[in-house]
Amino acid sequence: MIREEDLRGYVEGQGWAHASAHTADALDELVLCDYFSKKDVEEILDSIKAKVCIRYYVYIDEEDERMATVVESCIKGRILSDSEIISWIRNFRIEDSNNRNNEYYHLKVNIKSFLRSIYFRILNIEDTEIILKAIKSNLDSL
């Protein structure tokens, strides 16, 4: 997932490329697999973070929703602790906010869309208040 550079969703005349979304669908199945360790799941989430935090493309075909499904599964399945999820969420930030060029805004839009997708996915899941609060705090800081 990290090495994929063609992030287009629908390609006119060719159909759906949608590598980020299709990979997220597969990763969602993998995080639920009993054979995967906690470390494996953390690596999957890190690869999703890397794909969300790109500066050269803005996702326009609901890739954020598909990637958020993986996080939702981790939260619902209690695969990682709340504190581990919160720590991962807090890493979605923009370091060079003084350089507000197109790449800055691409990154900001991708992060905000992704975090919002997670937020609304888990809004009605029991015992997620602390995670919701962390997401809101992160969104407010962007």
Foldseek 3Di string as FASTA:
>chain_A
DLPDDPCDAADPPPGGPRVLLVVLQVLLVVLPDPVDALVNLVVLLVSLLSVLQFQPDADDPCSLLSNLSSVLSCVLVVRDPLVVLLVSLLPLDDDCVVPDDSSNVSRLNSNLSNLVSNLVSCVPPPPCVVVNVSSVVRNVVD
